[in-house]
């Protein structure tokens, strides 16, 4: 069962079920696939670790984020679609979403969009 850790910023939304997706780098050892049982945490590997919930992964898609575009499985998303994906992932806007990934990983970012 793969474990996914969330920052405090997103923990409440994950715990309540409001946030049902995450975008991550591709795991090298054991990639997450549809059907996996996911254990969702905050504070993992600390004394403050807390399990938020367990969920079944329903979909994993390749994602590519650039300053001006969002692609899922090589399908370029419209602005409205990209904005909806950003909001579903816990951001107030597409601009905030893009800045987050730029600050954390640099752009372009390539990874996976995991849904439960």
PDB file of N, CA and C in Angstrom:
ATOM      1  N   UNK A   1       0.840  -1.184   0.000  1.00  0.00           N
ATOM      2  CA  UNK A   1       0.000   0.000   0.000  1.00  0.00           C
ATOM      3  C   UNK A   1       0.883   1.244   0.000  1.00  0.00           C
ATOM      4  N   UNK A   2       0.865   1.991  -1.089  1.00  0.00           N
ATOM      5  CA  UNK A   2       1.664   3.214  -1.137  1.00  0.00           C
ATOM      6  C   UNK A   2       1.147   4.268  -0.151  1.00  0.00           C
ATOM      7  N   UNK A   3       2.091   4.957   0.469  1.00  0.00           N
ATOM      8  CA  UNK A   3       1.769   6.058   1.374  1.00  0.00           C
ATOM      9  C   UNK A   3       2.078   7.375   0.661  1.00  0.00           C
ATOM     10  N   UNK A   4       1.210   8.362   0.835  1.00  0.00           N
ATOM     11  CA  UNK A   4       1.413   9.687   0.266  1.00  0.00           C
ATOM     12  C   UNK A   4       1.309  10.688   1.403  1.00  0.00           C
ATOM     13  N   UNK A   5       2.304  11.551   1.501  1.00  0.00           N
ATOM     14  CA  UNK A   5       2.349  12.557   2.557  1.00  0.00           C
ATOM     15  C   UNK A   5       1.882  13.907   2.015  1.00  0.00           C
ATOM     16  N   UNK A   6       1.111  14.634   2.827  1.00  0.00           N
ATOM     17  CA  UNK A   6       0.613  15.955   2.462  1.00  0.00           C
ATOM     18  C   UNK A   6       1.074  16.984   3.469  1.00  0.00           C
ATOM     19  N   UNK A   7       1.387  18.178   2.994  1.00  0.00           N
ATOM     20  CA  UNK A   7       1.731  19.275   3.897  1.00  0.00           C
ATOM     21  C   UNK A   7       0.472  19.676   4.657  1.00  0.00           C
ATOM     22  N   UNK A   8       0.667  20.375   5.763  1.00  0.00           N
ATOM     23  CA  UNK A   8      -0.472  20.848   6.563  1.00  0.00           C
ATOM     24  C   UNK A   8      -1.429  21.681   5.722  1.00  0.00           C
ATOM     25  N   UNK A   9      -0.890  22.387   4.732  1.00  0.00           N
ATOM     26  CA  UNK A   9      -1.725  23.228   3.865  1.00  0.00           C
ATOM     27  C   UNK A   9      -2.872  22.435   3.247  1.00  0.00           C
ATOM     28  N   UNK A  10      -2.623  21.187   2.878  1.00  0.00           N
ATOM     29  CA  UNK A  10      -3.617  20.367   2.184  1.00  0.00           C
ATOM     30  C   UNK A  10      -4.258  19.304   3.069  1.00  0.00           C
ATOM     31  N   UNK A  11      -3.741  19.099   4.272  1.00  0.00           N
ATOM     32  CA  UNK A  11      -4.190  17.992   5.128  1.00  0.00           C
ATOM     33  C   UNK A  11      -5.687  18.029   5.429  1.00  0.00           C
ATOM     34  N   UNK A  12      -6.216  19.189   5.763  1.00  0.00           N
ATOM     35  CA  UNK A  12      -7.640  19.287   6.087  1.00  0.00           C
ATOM     36  C   UNK A  12      -8.529  18.896   4.926  1.00  0.00           C
ATOM     37  N   UNK A  13      -8.180  19.360   3.731  1.00  0.00           N
ATOM     38  CA  UNK A  13      -8.980  19.044   2.539  1.00  0.00           C
ATOM     39  C   UNK A  13      -8.890  17.570   2.183  1.00  0.00           C
ATOM     40  N   UNK A  14      -7.725  16.957   2.398  1.00  0.00           N
ATOM     41  CA  UNK A  14      -7.582  15.516   2.154  1.00  0.00           C
ATOM     42  C   UNK A  14      -8.425  14.752   3.166  1.00  0.00           C
ATOM     43  N   UNK A  15      -8.320  15.144   4.422  1.00  0.00           N
ATOM     44  CA  UNK A  15      -9.024  14.437   5.500  1.00  0.00           C
ATOM     45  C   UNK A  15     -10.537  14.479   5.324  1.00  0.00           C
ATOM     46  N   UNK A  16     -11.072  15.606   4.884  1.00  0.00           N
ATOM     47  CA  UNK A  16     -12.521  15.731   4.708  1.00  0.00           C
ATOM     48  C   UNK A  16     -13.016  15.134   3.395  1.00  0.00           C
ATOM     49  N   UNK A  17     -12.091  14.797   2.509  1.00  0.00           N
ATOM     50  CA  UNK A  17     -12.490  14.248   1.215  1.00  0.00           C
ATOM     51  C   UNK A  17     -12.703  15.307   0.152  1.00  0.00           C
ATOM     52  N   UNK A  18     -12.477  16.560   0.484  1.00  0.00           N
ATOM     53  CA  UNK A  18     -12.619  17.641  -0.490  1.00  0.00           C
ATOM     54  C   UNK A  18     -11.533  17.545  -1.569  1.00  0.00           C
ATOM     55  N   UNK A  19     -10.319  17.210  -1.171  1.00  0.00           N
ATOM     56  CA  UNK A  19      -9.208  17.040  -2.113  1.00  0.00           C
ATOM     57  C   UNK A  19      -9.086  15.556  -2.419  1.00  0.00           C
ATOM     58  N   UNK A  20      -9.271  15.210  -3.695  1.00  0.00           N
ATOM     59  CA  UNK A  20      -9.262  13.808  -4.098  1.00  0.00           C
ATOM     60  C   UNK A  20      -8.251  13.522  -5.207  1.00  0.00           C
ATOM     61  N   UNK A  21      -7.293  14.445  -5.359  1.00  0.00           N
ATOM     62  CA  UNK A  21      -6.229  14.265  -6.347  1.00  0.00           C
ATOM     63  C   UNK A  21      -4.931  14.822  -5.790  1.00  0.00           C
ATOM     64  N   UNK A  22      -3.836  14.382  -6.382  1.00  0.00           N
ATOM     65  CA  UNK A  22      -2.533  14.969  -6.090  1.00  0.00           C
ATOM     66  C   UNK A  22      -1.640  14.796  -7.305  1.00  0.00           C
ATOM     67  N   UNK A  23      -0.692  15.685  -7.447  1.00  0.00           N
ATOM     68  CA  UNK A  23       0.276  15.610  -8.530  1.00  0.00           C
ATOM     69  C   UNK A  23       1.641  15.399  -7.889  1.00  0.00           C
ATOM     70  N   UNK A  24       2.332  14.364  -8.344  1.00  0.00           N
ATOM     71  CA  UNK A  24       3.605  13.975  -7.759  1.00  0.00           C
ATOM     72  C   UNK A  24       4.615  13.628  -8.840  1.00  0.00           C
ATOM     73  N   UNK A  25       5.892  13.608  -8.433  1.00  0.00           N
ATOM     74  CA  UNK A  25       6.923  13.062  -9.303  1.00  0.00           C
ATOM     75  C   UNK A  25       6.657  11.574  -9.459  1.00  0.00           C
ATOM     76  N   UNK A  26       7.130  10.999 -10.541  1.00  0.00           N
ATOM     77  CA  UNK A  26       6.971   9.565 -10.770  1.00  0.00           C
ATOM     78  C   UNK A  26       7.848   8.817  -9.770  1.00  0.00           C
ATOM     79  N   UNK A  27       7.266   7.818  -9.123  1.00  0.00           N
ATOM     80  CA  UNK A  27       8.032   6.974  -8.208  1.00  0.00           C
ATOM     81  C   UNK A  27       8.880   6.016  -9.036  1.00  0.00           C
ATOM     82  N   UNK A  28      10.142   5.913  -8.693  1.00  0.00           N
ATOM     83  CA  UNK A  28      11.044   5.049  -9.460  1.00  0.00           C
ATOM     84  C   UNK A  28      10.928   3.589  -9.050  1.00  0.00           C
ATOM     85  N   UNK A  29      10.817   3.341  -7.735  1.00  0.00           N
ATOM     86  CA  UNK A  29      10.795   1.954  -7.262  1.00  0.00           C
ATOM     87  C   UNK A  29       9.479   1.251  -7.530  1.00  0.00           C
ATOM     88  N   UNK A  30       8.387   1.864  -7.175  1.00  0.00           N
ATOM     89  CA  UNK A  30       7.085   1.239  -7.356  1.00  0.00           C
ATOM     90  C   UNK A  30       6.055   2.305  -7.676  1.00  0.00           C
ATOM     91  N   UNK A  31       5.857   2.553  -8.968  1.00  0.00           N
ATOM     92  CA  UNK A  31       4.875   3.581  -9.345  1.00  0.00           C
ATOM     93  C   UNK A  31       3.472   3.233  -8.855  1.00  0.00           C
ATOM     94  N   UNK A  32       2.709   4.248  -8.527  1.00  0.00           N
ATOM     95  CA  UNK A  32       1.315   4.055  -8.121  1.00  0.00           C
ATOM     96  C   UNK A  32       0.490   3.753  -9.362  1.00  0.00           C
ATOM     97  N   UNK A  33      -0.406   2.780  -9.243  1.00  0.00           N
ATOM     98  CA  UNK A  33      -1.279   2.401 -10.357  1.00  0.00           C
ATOM     99  C   UNK A  33      -2.725   2.335  -9.865  1.00  0.00           C
ATOM    100  N   UNK A  34      -3.655   2.437 -10.808  1.00  0.00           N
ATOM    101  CA  UNK A  34      -5.078   2.308 -10.476  1.00  0.00           C
ATOM    102  C   UNK A  34      -5.291   0.977  -9.773  1.00  0.00           C
ATOM    103  N   UNK A  35      -6.089   1.018  -8.709  1.00  0.00           N
ATOM    104  CA  UNK A  35      -6.361  -0.176  -7.913  1.00  0.00           C
ATOM    105  C   UNK A  35      -5.540  -0.251  -6.645  1.00  0.00           C
ATOM    106  N   UNK A  36      -4.438   0.520  -6.568  1.00  0.00           N
ATOM    107  CA  UNK A  36      -3.639   0.540  -5.342  1.00  0.00           C
ATOM    108  C   UNK A  36      -4.449   1.117  -4.187  1.00  0.00           C
ATOM    109  N   UNK A  37      -4.247   0.570  -3.019  1.00  0.00           N
ATOM    110  CA  UNK A  37      -4.818   1.132  -1.789  1.00  0.00           C
ATOM    111  C   UNK A  37      -3.829   2.178  -1.289  1.00  0.00           C
ATOM    112  N   UNK A  38      -4.255   3.437  -1.201  1.00  0.00           N
ATOM    113  CA  UNK A  38      -3.391   4.540  -0.799  1.00  0.00           C
ATOM    114  C   UNK A  38      -3.605   4.870   0.674  1.00  0.00           C
ATOM    115  N   UNK A  39      -2.515   5.084   1.388  1.00  0.00           N
ATOM    116  CA  UNK A  39      -2.595   5.567   2.760  1.00  0.00           C
ATOM    117  C   UNK A  39      -2.128   7.016   2.723  1.00  0.00           C
ATOM    118  N   UNK A  40      -2.998   7.924   3.113  1.00  0.00           N
ATOM    119  CA  UNK A  40      -2.731   9.356   3.017  1.00  0.00           C
ATOM    120  C   UNK A  40      -2.401   9.902   4.403  1.00  0.00           C
ATOM    121  N   UNK A  41      -1.257  10.571   4.516  1.00  0.00           N
ATOM    122  CA  UNK A  41      -0.730  11.067   5.785  1.00  0.00           C
ATOM    123  C   UNK A  41      -0.441  12.555   5.732  1.00  0.00           C
ATOM    124  N   UNK A  42      -0.227  13.112   6.901  1.00  0.00           N
ATOM    125  CA  UNK A  42       0.445  14.399   7.049  1.00  0.00           C
ATOM    126  C   UNK A  42       1.494  14.212   8.136  1.00  0.00           C
ATOM    127  N   UNK A  43       2.613  14.901   7.990  1.00  0.00           N
ATOM    128  CA  UNK A  43       3.684  14.792   8.974  1.00  0.00           C
ATOM    129  C   UNK A  43       4.383  13.454   8.982  1.00  0.00           C
ATOM    130  N   UNK A  44       4.311  12.732   7.886  1.00  0.00           N
ATOM    131  CA  UNK A  44       4.915  11.404   7.820  1.00  0.00           C
ATOM    132  C   UNK A  44       6.402  11.481   8.165  1.00  0.00           C
ATOM    133  N   UNK A  45       6.890  10.462   8.842  1.00  0.00           N
ATOM    134  CA  UNK A  45       8.276  10.336   9.293  1.00  0.00           C
ATOM    135  C   UNK A  45       8.651  11.370  10.356  1.00  0.00           C
ATOM    136  N   UNK A  46       7.650  11.864  11.060  1.00  0.00           N
ATOM    137  CA  UNK A  46       7.891  12.733  12.210  1.00  0.00           C
ATOM    138  C   UNK A  46       7.074  12.191  13.379  1.00  0.00           C
ATOM    139  N   UNK A  47       7.323  12.704  14.573  1.00  0.00           N
ATOM    140  CA  UNK A  47       6.535  12.265  15.719  1.00  0.00           C
ATOM    141  C   UNK A  47       5.111  12.808  15.666  1.00  0.00           C
ATOM    142  N   UNK A  48       4.847  13.731  14.741  1.00  0.00           N
ATOM    143  CA  UNK A  48       3.513  14.310  14.585  1.00  0.00           C
ATOM    144  C   UNK A  48       2.740  13.680  13.423  1.00  0.00           C
ATOM    145  N   UNK A  49       3.213  12.542  12.919  1.00  0.00           N
ATOM    146  CA  UNK A  49       2.560  11.881  11.790  1.00  0.00           C
ATOM    147  C   UNK A  49       1.112  11.560  12.130  1.00  0.00           C
ATOM    148  N   UNK A  50       0.261  11.765  11.142  1.00  0.00           N
ATOM    149  CA  UNK A  50      -1.168  11.499  11.335  1.00  0.00           C
ATOM    150  C   UNK A  50      -1.743  10.943  10.042  1.00  0.00           C
ATOM    151  N   UNK A  51      -2.404   9.802  10.160  1.00  0.00           N
ATOM    152  CA  UNK A  51      -3.074   9.201   9.012  1.00  0.00           C
ATOM    153  C   UNK A  51      -4.359   9.979   8.763  1.00  0.00           C
ATOM    154  N   UNK A  52      -4.533  10.436   7.520  1.00  0.00           N
ATOM    155  CA  UNK A  52      -5.710  11.214   7.162  1.00  0.00           C
ATOM    156  C   UNK A  52      -6.849  10.319   6.688  1.00  0.00           C
ATOM    157  N   UNK A  53      -6.529   9.341   5.869  1.00  0.00           N
ATOM    158  CA  UNK A  53      -7.528   8.405   5.360  1.00  0.00           C
ATOM    159  C   UNK A  53      -6.861   7.351   4.482  1.00  0.00           C
ATOM    160  N   UNK A  54      -7.625   6.335   4.148  1.00  0.00           N
ATOM    161  CA  UNK A  54      -7.217   5.327   3.166  1.00  0.00           C
ATOM    162  C   UNK A  54      -8.193   5.413   2.011  1.00  0.00           C
ATOM    163  N   UNK A  55      -7.665   5.325   0.806  1.00  0.00           N
ATOM    164  CA  UNK A  55      -8.491   5.428  -0.394  1.00  0.00           C
ATOM    165  C   UNK A  55      -7.968   4.473  -1.452  1.00  0.00           C
ATOM    166  N   UNK A  56      -8.810   4.152  -2.408  1.00  0.00           N
ATOM    167  CA  UNK A  56      -8.405   3.343  -3.549  1.00  0.00           C
ATOM    168  C   UNK A  56      -8.077   4.277  -4.717  1.00  0.00           C
ATOM    169  N   UNK A  57      -6.912   4.089  -5.307  1.00  0.00           N
ATOM    170  CA  UNK A  57      -6.519   4.879  -6.476  1.00  0.00           C
ATOM    171  C   UNK A  57      -7.393   4.469  -7.654  1.00  0.00           C
ATOM    172  N   UNK A  58      -8.051   5.443  -8.279  1.00  0.00           N
ATOM    173  CA  UNK A  58      -8.932   5.121  -9.408  1.00  0.00           C
ATOM    174  C   UNK A  58      -8.324   5.485 -10.756  1.00  0.00           C
ATOM    175  N   UNK A  59      -7.295   6.364 -10.757  1.00  0.00           N
ATOM    176  CA  UNK A  59      -6.731   6.782 -12.030  1.00  0.00           C
ATOM    177  C   UNK A  59      -5.369   7.414 -11.805  1.00  0.00           C
ATOM    178  N   UNK A  60      -4.438   7.131 -12.700  1.00  0.00           N
ATOM    179  CA  UNK A  60      -3.127   7.778 -12.703  1.00  0.00           C
ATOM    180  C   UNK A  60      -2.839   8.192 -14.134  1.00  0.00           C
ATOM    181  N   UNK A  61      -2.577   9.480 -14.323  1.00  0.00           N
ATOM    182  CA  UNK A  61      -2.284  10.003 -15.660  1.00  0.00           C
ATOM    183  C   UNK A  61      -0.963  10.762 -15.634  1.00  0.00           C
ATOM    184  N   UNK A  62      -0.252  10.714 -16.752  1.00  0.00           N
ATOM    185  CA  UNK A  62       0.950  11.528 -16.886  1.00  0.00           C
ATOM    186  C   UNK A  62       0.537  12.991 -16.915  1.00  0.00           C
ATOM    187  N   UNK A  63       1.351  13.847 -16.301  1.00  0.00           N
ATOM    188  CA  UNK A  63       1.059  15.277 -16.281  1.00  0.00           C
ATOM    189  C   UNK A  63       2.322  16.039 -16.650  1.00  0.00           C
ATOM    190  N   UNK A  64       2.132  17.128 -17.364  1.00  0.00           N
ATOM    191  CA  UNK A  64       3.222  18.050 -17.698  1.00  0.00           C
ATOM    192  C   UNK A  64       2.704  19.463 -17.477  1.00  0.00           C
ATOM    193  N   UNK A  65       3.425  20.201 -16.626  1.00  0.00           N
ATOM    194  CA  UNK A  65       3.035  21.569 -16.295  1.00  0.00           C
ATOM    195  C   UNK A  65       4.134  22.506 -16.775  1.00  0.00           C
ATOM    196  N   UNK A  66       3.739  23.508 -17.551  1.00  0.00           N
ATOM    197  CA  UNK A  66       4.655  24.565 -17.956  1.00  0.00           C
ATOM    198  C   UNK A  66       4.035  25.887 -17.503  1.00  0.00           C
ATOM    199  N   UNK A  67       4.743  26.957 -17.751  1.00  0.00           N
ATOM    200  CA  UNK A  67       4.226  28.265 -17.355  1.00  0.00           C
ATOM    201  C   UNK A  67       2.911  28.585 -18.068  1.00  0.00           C
ATOM    202  N   UNK A  68       2.732  28.033 -19.273  1.00  0.00           N
ATOM    203  CA  UNK A  68       1.569  28.388 -20.084  1.00  0.00           C
ATOM    204  C   UNK A  68       0.655  27.229 -20.446  1.00  0.00           C
ATOM    205  N   UNK A  69       0.939  26.016 -19.944  1.00  0.00           N
ATOM    206  CA  UNK A  69       0.095  24.891 -20.346  1.00  0.00           C
ATOM    207  C   UNK A  69       0.062  23.787 -19.301  1.00  0.00           C
ATOM    208  N   UNK A  70      -0.984  22.980 -19.406  1.00  0.00           N
ATOM    209  CA  UNK A  70      -1.144  21.787 -18.584  1.00  0.00           C
ATOM    210  C   UNK A  70      -1.580  20.664 -19.513  1.00  0.00           C
ATOM    211  N   UNK A  71      -0.834  19.564 -19.473  1.00  0.00           N
ATOM    212  CA  UNK A  71      -1.159  18.400 -20.290  1.00  0.00           C
ATOM    213  C   UNK A  71      -1.397  17.211 -19.377  1.00  0.00           C
ATOM    214  N   UNK A  72      -2.429  16.437 -19.694  1.00  0.00           N
ATOM    215  CA  UNK A  72      -2.679  15.159 -19.033  1.00  0.00           C
ATOM    216  C   UNK A  72      -2.700  14.099 -20.122  1.00  0.00           C
ATOM    217  N   UNK A  73      -1.828  13.092 -19.978  1.00  0.00           N
ATOM    218  CA  UNK A  73      -1.710  12.037 -20.996  1.00  0.00           C
ATOM    219  C   UNK A  73      -1.600  12.619 -22.400  1.00  0.00           C
ATOM    220  N   UNK A  74      -0.761  13.604 -22.579  1.00  0.00           N
ATOM    221  CA  UNK A  74      -0.502  14.255 -23.874  1.00  0.00           C
ATOM    222  C   UNK A  74      -1.687  15.029 -24.427  1.00  0.00           C
ATOM    223  N   UNK A  75      -2.716  15.242 -23.636  1.00  0.00           N
ATOM    224  CA  UNK A  75      -3.869  16.037 -24.051  1.00  0.00           C
ATOM    225  C   UNK A  75      -3.753  17.433 -23.434  1.00  0.00           C
ATOM    226  N   UNK A  76      -3.567  18.432 -24.279  1.00  0.00           N
ATOM    227  CA  UNK A  76      -3.456  19.803 -23.805  1.00  0.00           C
ATOM    228  C   UNK A  76      -4.811  20.256 -23.270  1.00  0.00           C
ATOM    229  N   UNK A  77      -4.826  20.795 -22.062  1.00  0.00           N
ATOM    230  CA  UNK A  77      -6.068  21.244 -21.438  1.00  0.00           C
ATOM    231  C   UNK A  77      -6.331  22.712 -21.746  1.00  0.00           C
ATOM    232  N   UNK A  78      -7.606  23.045 -21.889  1.00  0.00           N
ATOM    233  CA  UNK A  78      -7.986  24.441 -22.076  1.00  0.00           C
ATOM    234  C   UNK A  78      -7.748  25.180 -20.767  1.00  0.00           C
ATOM    235  N   UNK A  79      -7.808  26.500 -20.810  1.00  0.00           N
ATOM    236  CA  UNK A  79      -7.629  27.276 -19.590  1.00  0.00           C
ATOM    237  C   UNK A  79      -8.657  26.860 -18.545  1.00  0.00           C
ATOM    238  N   UNK A  80      -9.915  26.722 -18.935  1.00  0.00           N
ATOM    239  CA  UNK A  80     -10.981  26.357 -17.988  1.00  0.00           C
ATOM    240  C   UNK A  80     -10.733  24.973 -17.393  1.00  0.00           C
ATOM    241  N   UNK A  81     -10.315  24.023 -18.206  1.00  0.00           N
ATOM    242  CA  UNK A  81     -10.021  22.676 -17.705  1.00  0.00           C
ATOM    243  C   UNK A  81      -8.832  22.696 -16.742  1.00  0.00           C
ATOM    244  N   UNK A  82      -7.787  23.441 -17.097  1.00  0.00           N
ATOM    245  CA  UNK A  82      -6.604  23.544 -16.242  1.00  0.00           C
ATOM    246  C   UNK A  82      -6.944  24.222 -14.919  1.00  0.00           C
ATOM    247  N   UNK A  83      -7.777  25.251 -14.983  1.00  0.00           N
ATOM    248  CA  UNK A  83      -8.213  25.956 -13.760  1.00  0.00           C
ATOM    249  C   UNK A  83      -8.981  24.990 -12.852  1.00  0.00           C
ATOM    250  N   UNK A  84      -9.845  24.168 -13.417  1.00  0.00           N
ATOM    251  CA  UNK A  84     -10.619  23.195 -12.627  1.00  0.00           C
ATOM    252  C   UNK A  84      -9.696  22.155 -11.984  1.00  0.00           C
ATOM    253  N   UNK A  85      -8.694  21.705 -12.710  1.00  0.00           N
ATOM    254  CA  UNK A  85      -7.736  20.734 -12.166  1.00  0.00           C
ATOM    255  C   UNK A  85      -6.966  21.363 -11.010  1.00  0.00           C
ATOM    256  N   UNK A  86      -6.559  22.617 -11.169  1.00  0.00           N
ATOM    257  CA  UNK A  86      -5.834  23.325 -10.105  1.00  0.00           C
ATOM    258  C   UNK A  86      -6.705  23.466  -8.852  1.00  0.00           C
ATOM    259  N   UNK A  87      -7.948  23.829  -9.037  1.00  0.00           N
ATOM    260  CA  UNK A  87      -8.862  23.974  -7.891  1.00  0.00           C
ATOM    261  C   UNK A  87      -9.120  22.622  -7.220  1.00  0.00           C
ATOM    262  N   UNK A  88      -9.306  21.566  -8.012  1.00  0.00           N
ATOM    263  CA  UNK A  88      -9.496  20.225  -7.446  1.00  0.00           C
ATOM    264  C   UNK A  88      -8.280  19.784  -6.644  1.00  0.00           C
ATOM    265  N   UNK A  89      -7.118  20.295  -7.013  1.00  0.00           N
ATOM    266  CA  UNK A  89      -5.883  19.925  -6.324  1.00  0.00           C
ATOM    267  C   UNK A  89      -5.611  20.806  -5.105  1.00  0.00           C
ATOM    268  N   UNK A  90      -6.535  21.721  -4.799  1.00  0.00           N
ATOM    269  CA  UNK A  90      -6.425  22.487  -3.561  1.00  0.00           C
ATOM    270  C   UNK A  90      -5.911  23.905  -3.701  1.00  0.00           C
ATOM    271  N   UNK A  91      -5.822  24.409  -4.917  1.00  0.00           N
ATOM    272  CA  UNK A  91      -5.325  25.760  -5.145  1.00  0.00           C
ATOM    273  C   UNK A  91      -6.480  26.706  -5.449  1.00  0.00           C
ATOM    274  N   UNK A  92      -6.275  27.976  -5.167  1.00  0.00           N
ATOM    275  CA  UNK A  92      -7.301  28.992  -5.418  1.00  0.00           C
ATOM    276  C   UNK A  92      -7.401  29.355  -6.898  1.00  0.00           C
ATOM    277  N   UNK A  93      -6.302  29.171  -7.631  1.00  0.00           N
ATOM    278  CA  UNK A  93      -6.293  29.558  -9.047  1.00  0.00           C
ATOM    279  C   UNK A  93      -5.230  28.766  -9.794  1.00  0.00           C
ATOM    280  N   UNK A  94      -5.305  28.815 -11.103  1.00  0.00           N
ATOM    281  CA  UNK A  94      -4.298  28.178 -11.941  1.00  0.00           C
ATOM    282  C   UNK A  94      -2.952  28.871 -11.742  1.00  0.00           C
ATOM    283  N   UNK A  95      -2.954  30.197 -11.590  1.00  0.00           N
ATOM    284  CA  UNK A  95      -1.702  30.938 -11.387  1.00  0.00           C
ATOM    285  C   UNK A  95      -1.000  30.475 -10.113  1.00  0.00           C
ATOM    286  N   UNK A  96      -1.749  30.300  -9.018  1.00  0.00           N
ATOM    287  CA  UNK A  96      -1.166  29.831  -7.763  1.00  0.00           C
ATOM    288  C   UNK A  96      -0.590  28.426  -7.931  1.00  0.00           C
ATOM    289  N   UNK A  97      -1.317  27.567  -8.627  1.00  0.00           N
ATOM    290  CA  UNK A  97      -0.909  26.193  -8.925  1.00  0.00           C
ATOM    291  C   UNK A  97       0.427  26.177  -9.680  1.00  0.00           C
ATOM    292  N   UNK A  98       0.518  26.973 -10.737  1.00  0.00           N
ATOM    293  CA  UNK A  98       1.736  27.019 -11.550  1.00  0.00           C
ATOM    294  C   UNK A  98       2.903  27.535 -10.717  1.00  0.00           C
ATOM    295  N   UNK A  99       2.683  28.574  -9.925  1.00  0.00           N
ATOM    296  CA  UNK A  99       3.749  29.110  -9.065  1.00  0.00           C
ATOM    297  C   UNK A  99       4.237  28.077  -8.054  1.00  0.00           C
ATOM    298  N   UNK A 100       3.309  27.320  -7.479  1.00  0.00           N
ATOM    299  CA  UNK A 100       3.660  26.278  -6.510  1.00  0.00           C
ATOM    300  C   UNK A 100       4.633  25.274  -7.133  1.00  0.00           C
ATOM    301  N   UNK A 101       4.290  24.770  -8.325  1.00  0.00           N
ATOM    302  CA  UNK A 101       5.139  23.775  -8.981  1.00  0.00           C
ATOM    303  C   UNK A 101       6.454  24.381  -9.455  1.00  0.00           C
ATOM    304  N   UNK A 102       6.420  25.626  -9.879  1.00  0.00           N
ATOM    305  CA  UNK A 102       7.655  26.299 -10.284  1.00  0.00           C
ATOM    306  C   UNK A 102       8.580  26.465  -9.085  1.00  0.00           C
ATOM    307  N   UNK A 103       8.050  26.912  -7.950  1.00  0.00           N
ATOM    308  CA  UNK A 103       8.862  27.103  -6.745  1.00  0.00           C
ATOM    309  C   UNK A 103       9.393  25.782  -6.198  1.00  0.00           C
ATOM    310  N   UNK A 104       8.565  24.738  -6.217  1.00  0.00           N
ATOM    311  CA  UNK A 104       8.932  23.457  -5.617  1.00  0.00           C
ATOM    312  C   UNK A 104       9.866  22.630  -6.500  1.00  0.00           C
ATOM    313  N   UNK A 105       9.577  22.579  -7.809  1.00  0.00           N
ATOM    314  CA  UNK A 105      10.316  21.694  -8.703  1.00  0.00           C
ATOM    315  C   UNK A 105      10.992  22.401  -9.867  1.00  0.00           C
ATOM    316  N   UNK A 106      10.521  23.593 -10.197  1.00  0.00           N
ATOM    317  CA  UNK A 106      10.949  24.239 -11.437  1.00  0.00           C
ATOM    318  C   UNK A 106      10.068  23.765 -12.577  1.00  0.00           C
ATOM    319  N   UNK A 107       9.968  24.580 -13.595  1.00  0.00           N
ATOM    320  CA  UNK A 107       9.152  24.241 -14.762  1.00  0.00           C
ATOM    321  C   UNK A 107      10.053  24.048 -15.976  1.00  0.00           C
ATOM    322  N   UNK A 108       9.708  23.161 -16.877  1.00  0.00           N
ATOM    323  CA  UNK A 108       8.509  22.332 -16.846  1.00  0.00           C
ATOM    324  C   UNK A 108       8.617  21.223 -15.805  1.00  0.00           C
ATOM    325  N   UNK A 109       7.460  20.844 -15.266  1.00  0.00           N
ATOM    326  CA  UNK A 109       7.364  19.746 -14.316  1.00  0.00           C
ATOM    327  C   UNK A 109       6.697  18.574 -15.024  1.00  0.00           C
ATOM    328  N   UNK A 110       7.251  17.388 -14.862  1.00  0.00           N
ATOM    329  CA  UNK A 110       6.642  16.178 -15.406  1.00  0.00           C
ATOM    330  C   UNK A 110       6.477  15.177 -14.281  1.00  0.00           C
ATOM    331  N   UNK A 111       5.283  14.622 -14.173  1.00  0.00           N
ATOM    332  CA  UNK A 111       4.991  13.665 -13.122  1.00  0.00           C
ATOM    333  C   UNK A 111       3.708  12.921 -13.400  1.00  0.00           C
ATOM    334  N   UNK A 112       2.969  12.628 -12.320  1.00  0.00           N
ATOM    335  CA  UNK A 112       1.702  11.900 -12.457  1.00  0.00           C
ATOM    336  C   UNK A 112       0.608  12.606 -11.673  1.00  0.00           C
ATOM    337  N   UNK A 113      -0.589  12.533 -12.202  1.00  0.00           N
ATOM    338  CA  UNK A 113      -1.799  13.057 -11.573  1.00  0.00           C
ATOM    339  C   UNK A 113      -2.534  11.838 -11.014  1.00  0.00           C
ATOM    340  N   UNK A 114      -2.615  11.758  -9.692  1.00  0.00           N
ATOM    341  CA  UNK A 114      -3.186  10.594  -9.007  1.00  0.00           C
ATOM    342  C   UNK A 114      -4.568  10.964  -8.481  1.00  0.00           C
ATOM    343  N   UNK A 115      -5.566  10.146  -8.787  1.00  0.00           N
ATOM    344  CA  UNK A 115      -6.947  10.396  -8.348  1.00  0.00           C
ATOM    345  C   UNK A 115      -7.414   9.236  -7.484  1.00  0.00           C
ATOM    346  N   UNK A 116      -8.205   9.573  -6.460  1.00  0.00           N
ATOM    347  CA  UNK A 116      -8.815   8.548  -5.596  1.00  0.00           C
ATOM    348  C   UNK A 116     -10.252   8.887  -5.349  1.00  0.00           C
TER     349      UNK A 116
END
